Amino acid sequence: MPAIVVVSFIYFSNKFAELKFSILKAFILGILICFPAGFLNTLAIQTFGNKEEVNDALVTGFMAGGLVEELLKFGALYLYLPTKKIIRRYDIVIYALFISLGFAVYENFGYVFAKKYSEISFEVAFARAFTAVPMHIFNGIIMGYFYEFYVLTKNKKFLGYTILLPIFLHGCYNFFCFGNPFISKAIILMMIFLAYRLNIQSKAAYK
């Protein structure tokens, strides 16, 4: 539900009327990268998983989740942006957000309609709507802001943050989901605060 609300609000907002087609393409890109993500995640778990709790949590969190999914999102963003001749403030953030939203929406449907969750599909959908989906949303925003800073300054430090920070945050979120969901929720709150701070810095950069 939160993902659909965000998609609808931004897509039908007059502020982003000129970007509707570009936003839709970014959203579809996010859906499409779910397919290689599913294959690569399964491959990583089968290759490096060993039925040991901590090891499997690390593999699922940082490799199958953080590394694979965030690299695919960045790849989609990187390959998509050169098609835009003029980049205005918020453009990169919006595209990164919608790539992440497309990914989150499709992934959520995958969990909800999976056979092993068939008896608790509503509970799974409700839980992910307020945990995993916001994690994807704010990770996309963070990625977008840092890539925006890189485009503006050509400072490779920001390119590093664009790639590594979402991988780290996503990995931490997934890892603690296995043992301490409260820490995972705290990570989401930290991501929200970071996105807020990056928005302030973005305003200053465009003055």
C-alpha atoms as a PDB file:
ATOM      1  CA  MET A   1       0.000   0.000   0.000  1.00  0.00           C
ATOM      2  CA  PRO A   2       2.666   2.665   0.848  1.00  0.00           C
ATOM      3  CA  ALA A   3       4.402   1.986  -2.478  1.00  0.00           C
ATOM      4  CA  ILE A   4       1.164   2.411  -4.454  1.00  0.00           C
ATOM      5  CA  VAL A   5       0.381   5.645  -2.563  1.00  0.00           C
ATOM      6  CA  VAL A   6       3.835   7.073  -3.333  1.00  0.00           C
ATOM      7  CA  VAL A   7       3.626   6.022  -6.995  1.00  0.00           C
ATOM      8  CA  SER A   8       0.181   7.575  -7.418  1.00  0.00           C
ATOM      9  CA  PHE A   9       1.017  10.795  -5.575  1.00  0.00           C
ATOM     10  CA  ILE A  10       4.158  11.542  -7.580  1.00  0.00           C
ATOM     11  CA  TYR A  11       2.900  10.242 -10.919  1.00  0.00           C
ATOM     12  CA  PHE A  12      -0.280  12.330 -10.836  1.00  0.00           C
ATOM     13  CA  SER A  13       1.353  15.399  -9.255  1.00  0.00           C
ATOM     14  CA  ASN A  14       1.400  18.491 -11.470  1.00  0.00           C
ATOM     15  CA  LYS A  15       4.949  19.190 -10.288  1.00  0.00           C
ATOM     16  CA  PHE A  16       6.196  16.135 -12.211  1.00  0.00           C
ATOM     17  CA  ALA A  17       3.774  16.304 -15.153  1.00  0.00           C
ATOM     18  CA  GLU A  18       6.612  16.573 -17.703  1.00  0.00           C
ATOM     19  CA  LEU A  19       8.300  13.468 -16.295  1.00  0.00           C
ATOM     20  CA  LYS A  20       5.353  11.071 -16.386  1.00  0.00           C
ATOM     21  CA  PHE A  21       6.647   8.944 -19.258  1.00  0.00           C
ATOM     22  CA  SER A  22      10.189   8.913 -17.855  1.00  0.00           C
ATOM     23  CA  ILE A  23       8.867   7.999 -14.400  1.00  0.00           C
ATOM     24  CA  LEU A  24       6.829   5.141 -15.877  1.00  0.00           C
ATOM     25  CA  LYS A  25       9.908   3.818 -17.702  1.00  0.00           C
ATOM     26  CA  ALA A  26      11.928   3.969 -14.479  1.00  0.00           C
ATOM     27  CA  PHE A  27       9.178   2.059 -12.649  1.00  0.00           C
ATOM     28  CA  ILE A  28       9.115  -0.634 -15.353  1.00  0.00           C
ATOM     29  CA  LEU A  29      12.913  -0.878 -15.214  1.00  0.00           C
ATOM     30  CA  GLY A  30      12.615  -1.584 -11.492  1.00  0.00           C
ATOM     31  CA  ILE A  31      10.198  -4.414 -12.222  1.00  0.00           C
ATOM     32  CA  LEU A  32      12.413  -5.883 -14.944  1.00  0.00           C
ATOM     33  CA  ILE A  33      15.520  -6.090 -12.766  1.00  0.00           C
ATOM     34  CA  CYS A  34      13.586  -8.314 -10.349  1.00  0.00           C
ATOM     35  CA  PHE A  35      14.084 -11.211 -12.771  1.00  0.00           C
ATOM     36  CA  PRO A  36      17.912 -11.234 -12.810  1.00  0.00           C
ATOM     37  CA  ALA A  37      17.809 -10.415  -9.085  1.00  0.00           C
ATOM     38  CA  GLY A  38      15.766 -13.538  -8.397  1.00  0.00           C
ATOM     39  CA  PHE A  39      18.193 -15.710 -10.357  1.00  0.00           C
ATOM     40  CA  LEU A  40      21.331 -14.167  -8.817  1.00  0.00           C
ATOM     41  CA  ASN A  41      19.908 -14.230  -5.281  1.00  0.00           C
ATOM     42  CA  THR A  42      19.085 -17.920  -5.600  1.00  0.00           C
ATOM     43  CA  LEU A  43      22.525 -18.629  -7.044  1.00  0.00           C
ATOM     44  CA  ALA A  44      24.255 -16.765  -4.185  1.00  0.00           C
ATOM     45  CA  ILE A  45      22.254 -18.583  -1.502  1.00  0.00           C
ATOM     46  CA  GLN A  46      22.812 -21.996  -3.111  1.00  0.00           C
ATOM     47  CA  THR A  47      26.530 -21.321  -3.565  1.00  0.00           C
ATOM     48  CA  PHE A  48      27.424 -19.720  -0.241  1.00  0.00           C
ATOM     49  CA  GLY A  49      24.674 -20.898   2.108  1.00  0.00           C
ATOM     50  CA  ASN A  50      25.562 -23.723   4.479  1.00  0.00           C
ATOM     51  CA  LYS A  51      22.525 -23.995   6.799  1.00  0.00           C
ATOM     52  CA  GLU A  52      24.452 -22.188   9.540  1.00  0.00           C
ATOM     53  CA  GLU A  53      22.299 -19.390  10.952  1.00  0.00           C
ATOM     54  CA  VAL A  54      24.764 -16.491  11.005  1.00  0.00           C
ATOM     55  CA  ASN A  55      26.387 -17.407   7.689  1.00  0.00           C
ATOM     56  CA  ASP A  56      23.046 -17.701   5.925  1.00  0.00           C
ATOM     57  CA  ALA A  57      21.862 -14.416   7.431  1.00  0.00           C
ATOM     58  CA  LEU A  58      25.011 -12.709   6.109  1.00  0.00           C
ATOM     59  CA  VAL A  59      24.658 -14.298   2.663  1.00  0.00           C
ATOM     60  CA  THR A  60      20.952 -13.468   2.404  1.00  0.00           C
ATOM     61  CA  GLY A  61      21.399  -9.981   3.831  1.00  0.00           C
ATOM     62  CA  PHE A  62      24.566  -8.625   2.300  1.00  0.00           C
ATOM     63  CA  MET A  63      25.094 -10.728  -0.807  1.00  0.00           C
ATOM     64  CA  ALA A  64      21.719 -11.948  -2.055  1.00  0.00           C
ATOM     65  CA  GLY A  65      19.900  -8.815  -0.856  1.00  0.00           C
ATOM     66  CA  GLY A  66      22.193  -5.841  -0.544  1.00  0.00           C
ATOM     67  CA  LEU A  67      24.876  -6.526  -3.153  1.00  0.00           C
ATOM     68  CA  VAL A  68      22.774  -8.077  -5.902  1.00  0.00           C
ATOM     69  CA  GLU A  69      19.672  -5.924  -5.662  1.00  0.00           C
ATOM     70  CA  GLU A  70      21.324  -2.543  -5.070  1.00  0.00           C
ATOM     71  CA  LEU A  71      23.894  -3.100  -7.848  1.00  0.00           C
ATOM     72  CA  LEU A  72      21.067  -3.909 -10.245  1.00  0.00           C
ATOM     73  CA  LYS A  73      19.185  -0.784  -9.177  1.00  0.00           C
ATOM     74  CA  PHE A  74      22.300   1.336  -9.654  1.00  0.00           C
ATOM     75  CA  GLY A  75      22.947  -0.287 -13.038  1.00  0.00           C
ATOM     76  CA  ALA A  76      19.399   0.554 -14.131  1.00  0.00           C
ATOM     77  CA  LEU A  77      19.815   4.155 -12.932  1.00  0.00           C
ATOM     78  CA  TYR A  78      23.236   4.551 -14.555  1.00  0.00           C
ATOM     79  CA  LEU A  79      22.132   3.154 -17.910  1.00  0.00           C
ATOM     80  CA  TYR A  80      18.872   5.089 -17.903  1.00  0.00           C
ATOM     81  CA  LEU A  81      20.145   8.590 -17.080  1.00  0.00           C
ATOM     82  CA  PRO A  82      22.297   9.170 -20.199  1.00  0.00           C
ATOM     83  CA  THR A  83      19.071   9.188 -22.240  1.00  0.00           C
ATOM     84  CA  LYS A  84      18.110  12.420 -20.441  1.00  0.00           C
ATOM     85  CA  LYS A  85      19.548  15.545 -22.053  1.00  0.00           C
ATOM     86  CA  ILE A  86      18.693  17.935 -19.226  1.00  0.00           C
ATOM     87  CA  ILE A  87      18.916  16.908 -15.577  1.00  0.00           C
ATOM     88  CA  ARG A  88      17.058  19.160 -13.161  1.00  0.00           C
ATOM     89  CA  ARG A  89      16.916  19.057  -9.404  1.00  0.00           C
ATOM     90  CA  TYR A  90      15.035  16.006  -8.139  1.00  0.00           C
ATOM     91  CA  ASP A  91      15.151  14.291 -11.572  1.00  0.00           C
ATOM     92  CA  ILE A  92      17.786  11.753 -10.533  1.00  0.00           C
ATOM     93  CA  VAL A  93      16.171  11.217  -7.133  1.00  0.00           C
ATOM     94  CA  ILE A  94      12.763  10.606  -8.716  1.00  0.00           C
ATOM     95  CA  TYR A  95      14.177   8.119 -11.234  1.00  0.00           C
ATOM     96  CA  ALA A  96      16.110   6.255  -8.521  1.00  0.00           C
ATOM     97  CA  LEU A  97      12.998   6.250  -6.327  1.00  0.00           C
ATOM     98  CA  PHE A  98      10.785   4.806  -9.062  1.00  0.00           C
ATOM     99  CA  ILE A  99      13.310   2.125  -9.996  1.00  0.00           C
ATOM    100  CA  SER A 100      13.271   1.081  -6.339  1.00  0.00           C
ATOM    101  CA  LEU A 101       9.472   1.316  -6.183  1.00  0.00           C
ATOM    102  CA  GLY A 102       9.075  -0.897  -9.238  1.00  0.00           C
ATOM    103  CA  PHE A 103      11.391  -3.420  -7.642  1.00  0.00           C
ATOM    104  CA  ALA A 104       9.637  -3.244  -4.260  1.00  0.00           C
ATOM    105  CA  VAL A 105       6.123  -3.611  -5.687  1.00  0.00           C
ATOM    106  CA  TYR A 106       6.977  -6.634  -7.822  1.00  0.00           C
ATOM    107  CA  GLU A 107       9.016  -8.242  -5.035  1.00  0.00           C
ATOM    108  CA  ASN A 108       6.132  -7.759  -2.620  1.00  0.00           C
ATOM    109  CA  PHE A 109       3.699  -9.469  -4.976  1.00  0.00           C
ATOM    110  CA  GLY A 110       6.194 -12.327  -5.235  1.00  0.00           C
ATOM    111  CA  TYR A 111       6.212 -12.796  -1.467  1.00  0.00           C
ATOM    112  CA  VAL A 112       2.461 -12.430  -1.069  1.00  0.00           C
ATOM    113  CA  PHE A 113       1.605 -14.989  -3.757  1.00  0.00           C
ATOM    114  CA  ALA A 114       4.372 -17.451  -2.896  1.00  0.00           C
ATOM    115  CA  LYS A 115       3.022 -20.894  -1.992  1.00  0.00           C
ATOM    116  CA  LYS A 116       4.812 -21.045   1.349  1.00  0.00           C
ATOM    117  CA  TYR A 117       3.047 -17.850   2.458  1.00  0.00           C
ATOM    118  CA  SER A 118      -0.376 -18.776   1.040  1.00  0.00           C
ATOM    119  CA  GLU A 119      -1.979 -19.143   4.485  1.00  0.00           C
ATOM    120  CA  ILE A 120      -0.577 -15.881   5.857  1.00  0.00           C
ATOM    121  CA  SER A 121      -0.438 -13.779   2.673  1.00  0.00           C
ATOM    122  CA  PHE A 122      -2.320 -10.840   4.253  1.00  0.00           C
ATOM    123  CA  GLU A 123       0.027 -10.754   7.245  1.00  0.00           C
ATOM    124  CA  VAL A 124       3.069 -10.909   4.954  1.00  0.00           C
ATOM    125  CA  ALA A 125       1.733  -8.096   2.759  1.00  0.00           C
ATOM    126  CA  PHE A 126       0.912  -5.914   5.753  1.00  0.00           C
ATOM    127  CA  ALA A 127       4.284  -6.485   7.447  1.00  0.00           C
ATOM    128  CA  ARG A 128       6.322  -5.816   4.296  1.00  0.00           C
ATOM    129  CA  ALA A 129       4.256  -2.728   3.463  1.00  0.00           C
ATOM    130  CA  PHE A 130       5.668  -1.024   6.551  1.00  0.00           C
ATOM    131  CA  THR A 131       9.148  -2.568   6.605  1.00  0.00           C
ATOM    132  CA  ALA A 132      10.731  -3.897   3.410  1.00  0.00           C
ATOM    133  CA  VAL A 133       8.902  -1.522   1.052  1.00  0.00           C
ATOM    134  CA  PRO A 134       9.924   1.673   2.943  1.00  0.00           C
ATOM    135  CA  MET A 135      13.474   0.278   3.096  1.00  0.00           C
ATOM    136  CA  HIS A 136      13.532   0.046  -0.714  1.00  0.00           C
ATOM    137  CA  ILE A 137      11.920   3.480  -1.068  1.00  0.00           C
ATOM    138  CA  PHE A 138      14.397   5.341   1.132  1.00  0.00           C
ATOM    139  CA  ASN A 139      17.367   3.390  -0.195  1.00  0.00           C
ATOM    140  CA  GLY A 140      16.336   4.569  -3.658  1.00  0.00           C
ATOM    141  CA  ILE A 141      16.108   8.164  -2.448  1.00  0.00           C
ATOM    142  CA  ILE A 142      19.542   7.949  -0.798  1.00  0.00           C
ATOM    143  CA  MET A 143      21.048   6.451  -3.949  1.00  0.00           C
ATOM    144  CA  GLY A 144      19.447   9.183  -6.035  1.00  0.00           C
ATOM    145  CA  TYR A 145      20.734  12.053  -3.910  1.00  0.00           C
ATOM    146  CA  PHE A 146      24.316  10.779  -3.827  1.00  0.00           C
ATOM    147  CA  TYR A 147      24.286  10.160  -7.570  1.00  0.00           C
ATOM    148  CA  GLU A 148      22.893  13.647  -8.056  1.00  0.00           C
ATOM    149  CA  PHE A 149      25.828  15.037  -6.041  1.00  0.00           C
ATOM    150  CA  TYR A 150      28.214  12.992  -8.204  1.00  0.00           C
ATOM    151  CA  VAL A 151      26.675  14.335 -11.426  1.00  0.00           C
ATOM    152  CA  LEU A 152      26.944  17.905 -10.112  1.00  0.00           C
ATOM    153  CA  THR A 153      30.489  17.707  -8.722  1.00  0.00           C
ATOM    154  CA  LYS A 154      32.127  14.753 -10.551  1.00  0.00           C
ATOM    155  CA  ASN A 155      33.564  13.845  -7.146  1.00  0.00           C
ATOM    156  CA  LYS A 156      34.046  10.057  -7.140  1.00  0.00           C
ATOM    157  CA  LYS A 157      33.497  10.035  -3.391  1.00  0.00           C
ATOM    158  CA  PHE A 158      29.792  10.542  -4.036  1.00  0.00           C
ATOM    159  CA  LEU A 159      29.791   7.753  -6.643  1.00  0.00           C
ATOM    160  CA  GLY A 160      31.187   5.456  -3.968  1.00  0.00           C
ATOM    161  CA  TYR A 161      28.444   6.506  -1.543  1.00  0.00           C
ATOM    162  CA  THR A 162      25.853   5.970  -4.292  1.00  0.00           C
ATOM    163  CA  ILE A 163      26.814   2.317  -4.615  1.00  0.00           C
ATOM    164  CA  LEU A 164      28.194   1.251  -1.236  1.00  0.00           C
ATOM    165  CA  LEU A 165      25.831   2.924   1.236  1.00  0.00           C
ATOM    166  CA  PRO A 166      22.610   1.375  -0.147  1.00  0.00           C
ATOM    167  CA  ILE A 167      24.324  -2.042  -0.224  1.00  0.00           C
ATOM    168  CA  PHE A 168      25.387  -1.619   3.409  1.00  0.00           C
ATOM    169  CA  LEU A 169      22.004  -0.338   4.636  1.00  0.00           C
ATOM    170  CA  HIS A 170      20.065  -3.002   2.744  1.00  0.00           C
ATOM    171  CA  GLY A 171      22.411  -5.705   4.011  1.00  0.00           C
ATOM    172  CA  CYS A 172      22.102  -4.540   7.627  1.00  0.00           C
ATOM    173  CA  TYR A 173      18.316  -4.381   7.359  1.00  0.00           C
ATOM    174  CA  ASN A 174      18.085  -7.921   5.971  1.00  0.00           C
ATOM    175  CA  PHE A 175      20.626  -9.335   8.414  1.00  0.00           C
ATOM    176  CA  PHE A 176      18.846  -8.027  11.497  1.00  0.00           C
ATOM    177  CA  CYS A 177      15.455  -9.162  10.180  1.00  0.00           C
ATOM    178  CA  PHE A 178      16.622 -12.670  11.059  1.00  0.00           C
ATOM    179  CA  GLY A 179      17.498 -11.942  14.670  1.00  0.00           C
ATOM    180  CA  ASN A 180      16.324  -8.532  15.823  1.00  0.00           C
ATOM    181  CA  PRO A 181      13.483  -6.884  13.857  1.00  0.00           C
ATOM    182  CA  PHE A 182      13.619  -3.845  16.150  1.00  0.00           C
ATOM    183  CA  ILE A 183      17.103  -3.017  14.843  1.00  0.00           C
ATOM    184  CA  SER A 184      15.812  -3.396  11.275  1.00  0.00           C
ATOM    185  CA  LYS A 185      13.080  -0.854  12.019  1.00  0.00           C
ATOM    186  CA  ALA A 186      15.691   1.463  13.570  1.00  0.00           C
ATOM    187  CA  ILE A 187      17.704   1.216  10.342  1.00  0.00           C
ATOM    188  CA  ILE A 188      14.644   2.376   8.373  1.00  0.00           C
ATOM    189  CA  LEU A 189      14.273   5.379  10.694  1.00  0.00           C
ATOM    190  CA  MET A 190      17.960   6.174  10.190  1.00  0.00           C
ATOM    191  CA  MET A 191      17.459   6.002   6.411  1.00  0.00           C
ATOM    192  CA  ILE A 192      14.532   8.422   6.651  1.00  0.00           C
ATOM    193  CA  PHE A 193      16.666  10.870   8.637  1.00  0.00           C
ATOM    194  CA  LEU A 194      19.556  10.523   6.164  1.00  0.00           C
ATOM    195  CA  ALA A 195      17.222  11.163   3.218  1.00  0.00           C
ATOM    196  CA  TYR A 196      15.946  14.288   4.975  1.00  0.00           C
ATOM    197  CA  ARG A 197      19.503  15.557   5.536  1.00  0.00           C
ATOM    198  CA  LEU A 198      20.451  14.854   1.922  1.00  0.00           C
ATOM    199  CA  ASN A 199      17.423  16.845   0.759  1.00  0.00           C
ATOM    200  CA  ILE A 200      18.686  19.856   2.722  1.00  0.00           C
ATOM    201  CA  GLN A 201      22.147  19.488   1.167  1.00  0.00           C
ATOM    202  CA  SER A 202      20.594  19.182  -2.285  1.00  0.00           C
ATOM    203  CA  LYS A 203      18.756  22.477  -1.821  1.00  0.00           C
ATOM    204  CA  ALA A 204      22.040  24.157  -0.900  1.00  0.00           C
ATOM    205  CA  ALA A 205      23.809  22.653  -3.928  1.00  0.00           C
ATOM    206  CA  TYR A 206      21.291  24.183  -6.350  1.00  0.00           C
ATOM    207  CA  LYS A 207      21.436  27.694  -4.906  1.00  0.00           C
END
